[in-house]
Amino acid sequence: MIGSDQVPRLTALNKMDLLDEAASARLRATQSDAVLISAHSGEGLPELCDRLASIFARTLKPVISSFPTPTAGSSTACAASPQT
């Protein structure tokens, strides 16, 4: 097992601007965990960004690493951590 069942998933359904209200309502009812978006109109993009930020805040871990640089005997440290 590689643990893929523990990886967060987020479904984004695009092209919402092409649906009528009834079809949109059906999708919202049947795909309640999905974010419905339209890249064309921008509908749903703020919610998508918020949901992604929430997932990243919960799952990303701070990382510190160092690696040698071309200057003999020195190293460079890099740190990355999720922004809250």
Foldseek 3Di string as FASTA:
>chain_A
DPCPVVQDDEAEAEPPVVDDPVVVVVCCVVVVRYQYAYPVVGPRVVVVVVVVLVSQLVPWAKDKDWDDDPPPPDIDIDIDDRDD
